[in-house]
Amino acid sequence: MTLCDLKPGQKGKVVSFGTEGVLRHRLLDMGITTGIEIQLVKVAPLGDPLEIRLRGYNLSLRKTEASVIEIK
């Protein structure tokens, strides 16, 4: 299951990333690490971007970025 599969209001824990390189480092720099709890706050009207809440702040991610974050 990926972050894109959540519905607004649902939560999940990050298990792993399905990517390497620059995108992985960018996600880590934003505070998205394994074991962290993420909540999907809302989805933009056209479906992109997604607003998520983690570590006490809100963050917007594109669907392509969110699709590589595996959660449980």
N, C-alpha and C. Protein backbone atom coordinates (compact mmCIF):
# COMPACT_ATOMS: atom_id res chain seq x y z
N MET A 1 0.86 -1.18 0.00
CA MET A 1 0.00 0.00 0.00
C MET A 1 0.90 1.24 0.00
N THR A 2 0.51 2.23 -0.78
CA THR A 2 1.30 3.46 -0.83
C THR A 2 0.50 4.62 -0.24
N LEU A 3 1.16 5.73 -0.07
CA LEU A 3 0.52 6.92 0.49
C LEU A 3 -0.65 7.38 -0.38
N CYS A 4 -0.58 7.15 -1.67
CA CYS A 4 -1.67 7.54 -2.59
C CYS A 4 -2.95 6.76 -2.34
N ASP A 5 -2.84 5.59 -1.70
CA ASP A 5 -4.01 4.75 -1.48
C ASP A 5 -4.85 5.19 -0.28
N LEU A 6 -4.33 6.09 0.55
CA LEU A 6 -5.07 6.56 1.71
C LEU A 6 -6.19 7.50 1.29
N LYS A 7 -7.23 7.53 2.11
CA LYS A 7 -8.32 8.48 1.95
C LYS A 7 -8.08 9.63 2.93
N PRO A 8 -8.59 10.83 2.65
CA PRO A 8 -8.41 11.94 3.58
C PRO A 8 -8.85 11.57 5.00
N GLY A 9 -7.98 11.86 5.97
CA GLY A 9 -8.25 11.55 7.37
C GLY A 9 -7.60 10.27 7.84
N GLN A 10 -7.21 9.38 6.93
CA GLN A 10 -6.57 8.12 7.30
C GLN A 10 -5.09 8.33 7.60
N LYS A 11 -4.57 7.41 8.45
CA LYS A 11 -3.16 7.48 8.84
C LYS A 11 -2.46 6.18 8.47
N GLY A 12 -1.15 6.25 8.40
CA GLY A 12 -0.34 5.07 8.14
C GLY A 12 1.09 5.33 8.58
N LYS A 13 1.85 4.25 8.76
CA LYS A 13 3.27 4.36 9.12
C LYS A 13 4.12 4.03 7.91
N VAL A 14 5.18 4.79 7.72
CA VAL A 14 6.08 4.58 6.60
C VAL A 14 6.88 3.31 6.84
N VAL A 15 6.84 2.40 5.85
CA VAL A 15 7.57 1.14 5.93
C VAL A 15 8.87 1.23 5.12
N SER A 16 8.77 1.76 3.90
CA SER A 16 9.96 1.87 3.05
C SER A 16 9.68 2.83 1.90
N PHE A 17 10.73 3.06 1.12
CA PHE A 17 10.62 3.89 -0.08
C PHE A 17 10.87 3.02 -1.29
N GLY A 18 10.12 3.24 -2.33
CA GLY A 18 10.29 2.48 -3.56
C GLY A 18 11.18 3.20 -4.56
N THR A 19 12.11 3.98 -4.06
CA THR A 19 12.99 4.74 -4.94
C THR A 19 14.35 4.92 -4.29
N GLU A 20 15.30 5.30 -5.09
CA GLU A 20 16.65 5.59 -4.63
C GLU A 20 17.07 6.94 -5.20
N GLY A 21 18.21 7.42 -4.80
CA GLY A 21 18.77 8.62 -5.40
C GLY A 21 18.20 9.91 -4.87
N VAL A 22 18.05 10.86 -5.78
CA VAL A 22 17.68 12.22 -5.42
C VAL A 22 16.31 12.30 -4.75
N LEU A 23 15.32 11.59 -5.29
CA LEU A 23 13.98 11.64 -4.70
C LEU A 23 13.98 11.09 -3.28
N ARG A 24 14.68 10.02 -3.04
CA ARG A 24 14.76 9.45 -1.68
C ARG A 24 15.38 10.45 -0.71
N HIS A 25 16.46 11.08 -1.11
CA HIS A 25 17.11 12.07 -0.24
C HIS A 25 16.20 13.28 -0.01
N ARG A 26 15.46 13.67 -1.02
CA ARG A 26 14.53 14.80 -0.87
C ARG A 26 13.44 14.47 0.15
N LEU A 27 12.89 13.26 0.07
CA LEU A 27 11.86 12.84 1.03
C LEU A 27 12.43 12.77 2.45
N LEU A 28 13.63 12.24 2.59
CA LEU A 28 14.27 12.18 3.90
C LEU A 28 14.52 13.58 4.46
N ASP A 29 14.94 14.51 3.62
CA ASP A 29 15.17 15.88 4.05
C ASP A 29 13.89 16.56 4.53
N MET A 30 12.75 16.15 3.98
CA MET A 30 11.46 16.71 4.39
C MET A 30 10.94 16.07 5.68
N GLY A 31 11.67 15.09 6.23
CA GLY A 31 11.26 14.47 7.48
C GLY A 31 10.49 13.18 7.32
N ILE A 32 10.36 12.68 6.11
CA ILE A 32 9.64 11.43 5.87
C ILE A 32 10.65 10.30 6.01
N THR A 33 10.63 9.64 7.16
CA THR A 33 11.55 8.55 7.44
C THR A 33 10.75 7.30 7.81
N THR A 34 11.39 6.14 7.77
CA THR A 34 10.70 4.91 8.12
C THR A 34 10.25 4.96 9.58
N GLY A 35 9.04 4.47 9.82
CA GLY A 35 8.48 4.44 11.16
C GLY A 35 7.66 5.65 11.53
N ILE A 36 7.73 6.72 10.76
CA ILE A 36 6.98 7.94 11.08
C ILE A 36 5.52 7.77 10.67
N GLU A 37 4.61 8.35 11.47
CA GLU A 37 3.18 8.28 11.15
C GLU A 37 2.80 9.46 10.26
N ILE A 38 2.08 9.17 9.19
CA ILE A 38 1.64 10.18 8.22
C ILE A 38 0.13 10.14 8.12
N GLN A 39 -0.50 11.31 8.08
CA GLN A 39 -1.94 11.40 7.87
C GLN A 39 -2.19 12.17 6.58
N LEU A 40 -3.07 11.64 5.75
CA LEU A 40 -3.48 12.35 4.55
C LEU A 40 -4.56 13.35 4.95
N VAL A 41 -4.27 14.63 4.80
CA VAL A 41 -5.20 15.68 5.22
C VAL A 41 -6.24 15.93 4.13
N LYS A 42 -5.76 16.23 2.91
CA LYS A 42 -6.71 16.45 1.82
C LYS A 42 -6.01 16.28 0.48
N VAL A 43 -6.83 16.15 -0.53
CA VAL A 43 -6.36 16.00 -1.90
C VAL A 43 -6.89 17.19 -2.69
N ALA A 44 -6.05 17.77 -3.53
CA ALA A 44 -6.47 18.91 -4.34
C ALA A 44 -7.61 18.50 -5.28
N PRO A 45 -8.43 19.44 -5.72
CA PRO A 45 -9.59 19.12 -6.56
C PRO A 45 -9.27 18.29 -7.81
N LEU A 46 -8.12 18.50 -8.42
CA LEU A 46 -7.77 17.72 -9.61
C LEU A 46 -6.93 16.50 -9.26
N GLY A 47 -6.76 16.22 -7.96
CA GLY A 47 -6.06 15.01 -7.53
C GLY A 47 -4.57 15.17 -7.29
N ASP A 48 -4.02 16.34 -7.56
CA ASP A 48 -2.59 16.55 -7.37
C ASP A 48 -2.36 18.00 -7.01
N PRO A 49 -1.73 18.35 -5.92
CA PRO A 49 -0.96 17.55 -4.98
C PRO A 49 -1.80 17.02 -3.82
N LEU A 50 -1.13 16.27 -2.94
CA LEU A 50 -1.73 15.75 -1.72
C LEU A 50 -1.17 16.54 -0.55
N GLU A 51 -2.00 16.84 0.43
CA GLU A 51 -1.53 17.49 1.65
C GLU A 51 -1.46 16.44 2.75
N ILE A 52 -0.28 16.30 3.35
CA ILE A 52 -0.10 15.32 4.42
C ILE A 52 0.35 16.03 5.69
N ARG A 53 0.12 15.38 6.83
CA ARG A 53 0.56 15.90 8.12
C ARG A 53 1.52 14.91 8.73
N LEU A 54 2.68 15.39 9.14
CA LEU A 54 3.66 14.57 9.83
C LEU A 54 4.51 15.46 10.71
N ARG A 55 4.96 14.93 11.82
CA ARG A 55 5.84 15.64 12.75
C ARG A 55 5.32 17.03 13.14
N GLY A 56 3.99 17.21 13.14
CA GLY A 56 3.41 18.47 13.57
C GLY A 56 3.32 19.55 12.51
N TYR A 57 3.59 19.24 11.27
CA TYR A 57 3.44 20.23 10.21
C TYR A 57 2.79 19.60 8.99
N ASN A 58 2.25 20.45 8.11
CA ASN A 58 1.62 19.99 6.88
C ASN A 58 2.59 20.15 5.72
N LEU A 59 2.52 19.22 4.79
CA LEU A 59 3.43 19.18 3.66
C LEU A 59 2.63 18.78 2.43
N SER A 60 2.93 19.39 1.30
CA SER A 60 2.29 19.02 0.04
C SER A 60 3.25 18.20 -0.80
N LEU A 61 2.75 17.09 -1.33
CA LEU A 61 3.54 16.21 -2.19
C LEU A 61 2.78 15.95 -3.48
N ARG A 62 3.50 15.80 -4.56
CA ARG A 62 2.88 15.37 -5.81
C ARG A 62 2.54 13.89 -5.70
N LYS A 63 1.58 13.45 -6.50
CA LYS A 63 1.18 12.03 -6.50
C LYS A 63 2.35 11.13 -6.86
N THR A 64 3.20 11.56 -7.78
CA THR A 64 4.35 10.73 -8.17
C THR A 64 5.31 10.52 -7.01
N GLU A 65 5.47 11.55 -6.16
CA GLU A 65 6.32 11.42 -4.98
C GLU A 65 5.66 10.53 -3.94
N ALA A 66 4.36 10.72 -3.73
CA ALA A 66 3.63 9.94 -2.73
C ALA A 66 3.51 8.47 -3.12
N SER A 67 3.54 8.19 -4.42
CA SER A 67 3.37 6.80 -4.86
C SER A 67 4.57 5.91 -4.54
N VAL A 68 5.71 6.48 -4.19
CA VAL A 68 6.89 5.67 -3.86
C VAL A 68 7.02 5.44 -2.36
N ILE A 69 6.14 6.06 -1.55
CA ILE A 69 6.18 5.89 -0.10
C ILE A 69 5.26 4.74 0.28
N GLU A 70 5.85 3.63 0.72
CA GLU A 70 5.07 2.46 1.12
C GLU A 70 4.72 2.57 2.60
N ILE A 71 3.44 2.35 2.90
CA ILE A 71 2.96 2.47 4.27
C ILE A 71 2.17 1.22 4.67
N LYS A 72 1.92 1.11 5.96
CA LYS A 72 1.06 0.03 6.46
C LYS A 72 0.05 0.60 7.41
